[in-house]
Amino acid sequence: VHRIGRTGRAGATGLAVSLVCADEVQLLSAIETLTQQVLQRIDEADFIPDHRVPQTLPGGQVVKKPKKAKKPKVVGGGKGGSLGRWMESDEPAAPTVKAVRKVPSFGGKPTAKKPAR
């Protein structure tokens, strides 16, 4: 914006081009606020974005995409998660086996330790 402003005040006219990606939209919004203009977005054929750059309002506020409505949760209906599948099954549940920690011995022979290097 600084260089464009100096050139414009010197009486020259021209066109300024900026490449903006989606994570720079706040910077673009700041430029629009400073210049009090909404800048035109043009998708270049050789620079196809992975993410869309959000639109901004004349005041520089970023226009956010409307959120989708959440589906209401059904209380008491359906299978109820993993417990429902287990309760509906005719087979008994298999117990979960966990590894047991070795119990330390307080008597007997001490175990040989490796020498420190």
C-alpha atoms as a PDB file:
ATOM      1  CA  VAL A   1       0.000   0.000   0.000  1.00  0.00           C
ATOM      2  CA  HIS A   2       2.904   2.375   0.775  1.00  0.00           C
ATOM      3  CA  ARG A   3       4.501   2.169  -2.715  1.00  0.00           C
ATOM      4  CA  ILE A   4       1.130   2.433  -4.477  1.00  0.00           C
ATOM      5  CA  GLY A   5       0.293   5.546  -2.431  1.00  0.00           C
ATOM      6  CA  ARG A   6       3.608   7.276  -3.230  1.00  0.00           C
ATOM      7  CA  THR A   7       3.200   6.586  -6.956  1.00  0.00           C
ATOM      8  CA  GLY A   8      -0.379   7.849  -6.926  1.00  0.00           C
ATOM      9  CA  ARG A   9       0.538  11.074  -5.107  1.00  0.00           C
ATOM     10  CA  ALA A  10       3.277  11.659  -7.706  1.00  0.00           C
ATOM     11  CA  GLY A  11       0.562  11.851 -10.354  1.00  0.00           C
ATOM     12  CA  ALA A  12       1.107   8.428 -11.928  1.00  0.00           C
ATOM     13  CA  THR A  13      -1.762   6.029 -12.464  1.00  0.00           C
ATOM     14  CA  GLY A  14      -1.707   2.291 -12.759  1.00  0.00           C
ATOM     15  CA  LEU A  15      -2.955  -1.022 -11.525  1.00  0.00           C
ATOM     16  CA  ALA A  16      -1.770  -2.863  -8.416  1.00  0.00           C
ATOM     17  CA  VAL A  17      -1.923  -6.655  -8.237  1.00  0.00           C
ATOM     18  CA  SER A  18      -1.608  -8.753  -5.079  1.00  0.00           C
ATOM     19  CA  LEU A  19      -1.695 -12.507  -4.728  1.00  0.00           C
ATOM     20  CA  VAL A  20      -3.599 -13.466  -1.574  1.00  0.00           C
ATOM     21  CA  CYS A  21      -4.190 -16.888  -0.073  1.00  0.00           C
ATOM     22  CA  ALA A  22      -6.916 -17.821   2.425  1.00  0.00           C
ATOM     23  CA  ASP A  23      -4.726 -17.481   5.525  1.00  0.00           C
ATOM     24  CA  GLU A  24      -3.908 -13.866   4.549  1.00  0.00           C
ATOM     25  CA  VAL A  25      -7.525 -12.679   4.447  1.00  0.00           C
ATOM     26  CA  GLN A  26      -7.052 -10.586   7.618  1.00  0.00           C
ATOM     27  CA  LEU A  27      -4.212  -8.688   5.899  1.00  0.00           C
ATOM     28  CA  LEU A  28      -6.385  -8.172   2.816  1.00  0.00           C
ATOM     29  CA  SER A  29      -9.159  -6.902   5.072  1.00  0.00           C
ATOM     30  CA  ALA A  30      -6.738  -4.417   6.675  1.00  0.00           C
ATOM     31  CA  ILE A  31      -5.740  -3.087   3.230  1.00  0.00           C
ATOM     32  CA  GLU A  32      -9.409  -2.700   2.279  1.00  0.00           C
ATOM     33  CA  THR A  33     -10.079  -0.827   5.525  1.00  0.00           C
ATOM     34  CA  LEU A  34      -7.104   1.483   4.936  1.00  0.00           C
ATOM     35  CA  THR A  35      -8.004   2.216   1.309  1.00  0.00           C
ATOM     36  CA  GLN A  36     -11.768   2.253   2.051  1.00  0.00           C
ATOM     37  CA  GLN A  37     -12.379  -0.014  -0.950  1.00  0.00           C
ATOM     38  CA  VAL A  38     -13.480  -3.604  -1.428  1.00  0.00           C
ATOM     39  CA  LEU A  39     -10.856  -5.135  -3.695  1.00  0.00           C
ATOM     40  CA  GLN A  40     -11.962  -7.279  -6.608  1.00  0.00           C
ATOM     41  CA  ARG A  41     -11.108 -10.989  -6.380  1.00  0.00           C
ATOM     42  CA  ILE A  42      -9.997 -12.641  -9.613  1.00  0.00           C
ATOM     43  CA  ASP A  43      -8.998 -16.311  -9.780  1.00  0.00           C
ATOM     44  CA  GLU A  44      -5.995 -16.734 -12.056  1.00  0.00           C
ATOM     45  CA  ALA A  45      -5.839 -19.907 -14.159  1.00  0.00           C
ATOM     46  CA  ASP A  46      -2.242 -20.691 -13.142  1.00  0.00           C
ATOM     47  CA  PHE A  47      -2.873 -19.963  -9.451  1.00  0.00           C
ATOM     48  CA  ILE A  48      -5.894 -22.077  -8.550  1.00  0.00           C
ATOM     49  CA  PRO A  49      -6.423 -21.818  -4.777  1.00  0.00           C
ATOM     50  CA  ASP A  50      -6.843 -24.848  -2.525  1.00  0.00           C
ATOM     51  CA  HIS A  51      -9.125 -22.821  -0.233  1.00  0.00           C
ATOM     52  CA  ARG A  52     -11.461 -19.986  -1.073  1.00  0.00           C
ATOM     53  CA  VAL A  53     -10.535 -16.477   0.075  1.00  0.00           C
ATOM     54  CA  PRO A  54     -13.529 -15.116   2.034  1.00  0.00           C
ATOM     55  CA  GLN A  55     -15.290 -11.984   0.835  1.00  0.00           C
ATOM     56  CA  THR A  56     -15.134  -8.799   2.895  1.00  0.00           C
ATOM     57  CA  LEU A  57     -17.593  -5.974   3.489  1.00  0.00           C
ATOM     58  CA  PRO A  58     -16.806  -2.305   2.722  1.00  0.00           C
ATOM     59  CA  GLY A  59     -15.787  -1.720   6.358  1.00  0.00           C
ATOM     60  CA  GLY A  60     -13.184  -4.487   6.109  1.00  0.00           C
ATOM     61  CA  GLN A  61     -15.132  -7.111   8.059  1.00  0.00           C
ATOM     62  CA  VAL A  62     -14.631 -10.663   6.823  1.00  0.00           C
ATOM     63  CA  VAL A  63     -17.852 -12.329   5.630  1.00  0.00           C
ATOM     64  CA  LYS A  64     -17.973 -15.729   7.249  1.00  0.00           C
ATOM     65  CA  LYS A  65     -19.646 -18.692   5.614  1.00  0.00           C
ATOM     66  CA  PRO A  66     -22.950 -19.510   7.357  1.00  0.00           C
ATOM     67  CA  LYS A  67     -22.757 -22.558   9.594  1.00  0.00           C
ATOM     68  CA  LYS A  68     -24.897 -25.580   8.848  1.00  0.00           C
ATOM     69  CA  ALA A  69     -27.708 -26.291  11.292  1.00  0.00           C
ATOM     70  CA  LYS A  70     -26.898 -29.042  13.751  1.00  0.00           C
ATOM     71  CA  LYS A  71     -29.033 -32.159  13.709  1.00  0.00           C
ATOM     72  CA  PRO A  72     -31.061 -32.534  16.903  1.00  0.00           C
ATOM     73  CA  LYS A  73     -29.974 -35.383  19.150  1.00  0.00           C
ATOM     74  CA  VAL A  74     -32.495 -38.173  19.647  1.00  0.00           C
ATOM     75  CA  VAL A  75     -32.867 -38.942  23.341  1.00  0.00           C
ATOM     76  CA  GLY A  76     -33.580 -42.575  24.215  1.00  0.00           C
ATOM     77  CA  GLY A  77     -33.862 -43.766  20.637  1.00  0.00           C
ATOM     78  CA  GLY A  78     -31.504 -45.725  18.442  1.00  0.00           C
ATOM     79  CA  LYS A  79     -28.815 -48.097  19.546  1.00  0.00           C
ATOM     80  CA  GLY A  80     -27.275 -45.753  22.114  1.00  0.00           C
ATOM     81  CA  GLY A  81     -23.635 -46.181  21.118  1.00  0.00           C
ATOM     82  CA  SER A  82     -21.467 -49.199  21.857  1.00  0.00           C
ATOM     83  CA  LEU A  83     -23.502 -50.234  24.928  1.00  0.00           C
ATOM     84  CA  GLY A  84     -26.568 -50.723  22.739  1.00  0.00           C
ATOM     85  CA  ARG A  85     -24.719 -53.070  20.394  1.00  0.00           C
ATOM     86  CA  TRP A  86     -23.428 -55.093  23.360  1.00  0.00           C
ATOM     87  CA  MET A  87     -26.859 -55.323  24.989  1.00  0.00           C
ATOM     88  CA  GLU A  88     -28.528 -56.500  21.761  1.00  0.00           C
ATOM     89  CA  SER A  89     -25.949 -59.232  21.157  1.00  0.00           C
ATOM     90  CA  ASP A  90     -26.766 -62.842  22.125  1.00  0.00           C
ATOM     91  CA  GLU A  91     -23.105 -63.661  22.765  1.00  0.00           C
ATOM     92  CA  PRO A  92     -21.507 -62.938  26.136  1.00  0.00           C
ATOM     93  CA  ALA A  93     -19.027 -60.093  26.152  1.00  0.00           C
ATOM     94  CA  ALA A  94     -15.393 -61.170  26.067  1.00  0.00           C
ATOM     95  CA  PRO A  95     -13.453 -59.832  29.051  1.00  0.00           C
ATOM     96  CA  THR A  96     -10.676 -57.382  28.331  1.00  0.00           C
ATOM     97  CA  VAL A  97      -7.260 -58.689  29.351  1.00  0.00           C
ATOM     98  CA  LYS A  98      -4.673 -56.194  30.564  1.00  0.00           C
ATOM     99  CA  ALA A  99      -0.995 -56.866  31.146  1.00  0.00           C
ATOM    100  CA  VAL A 100      -0.168 -57.261  34.830  1.00  0.00           C
ATOM    101  CA  ARG A 101       2.747 -55.338  36.286  1.00  0.00           C
ATOM    102  CA  LYS A 102       5.449 -57.506  37.839  1.00  0.00           C
ATOM    103  CA  VAL A 103       5.222 -57.377  41.622  1.00  0.00           C
ATOM    104  CA  PRO A 104       8.519 -56.279  43.195  1.00  0.00           C
ATOM    105  CA  SER A 105      10.116 -58.804  45.549  1.00  0.00           C
ATOM    106  CA  PHE A 106      11.442 -57.524  48.856  1.00  0.00           C
ATOM    107  CA  GLY A 107      13.322 -60.629  49.908  1.00  0.00           C
ATOM    108  CA  GLY A 108      15.636 -63.085  48.242  1.00  0.00           C
ATOM    109  CA  LYS A 109      18.491 -62.532  45.841  1.00  0.00           C
ATOM    110  CA  PRO A 110      19.083 -59.063  44.428  1.00  0.00           C
ATOM    111  CA  THR A 111      18.984 -58.870  40.655  1.00  0.00           C
ATOM    112  CA  ALA A 112      22.242 -58.154  38.848  1.00  0.00           C
ATOM    113  CA  LYS A 113      22.453 -54.645  37.429  1.00  0.00           C
ATOM    114  CA  LYS A 114      24.434 -53.640  34.388  1.00  0.00           C
ATOM    115  CA  PRO A 115      27.518 -51.533  35.136  1.00  0.00           C
ATOM    116  CA  ALA A 116      27.181 -47.825  34.401  1.00  0.00           C
ATOM    117  CA  ARG A 117      29.194 -46.570  31.454  1.00  0.00           C
END
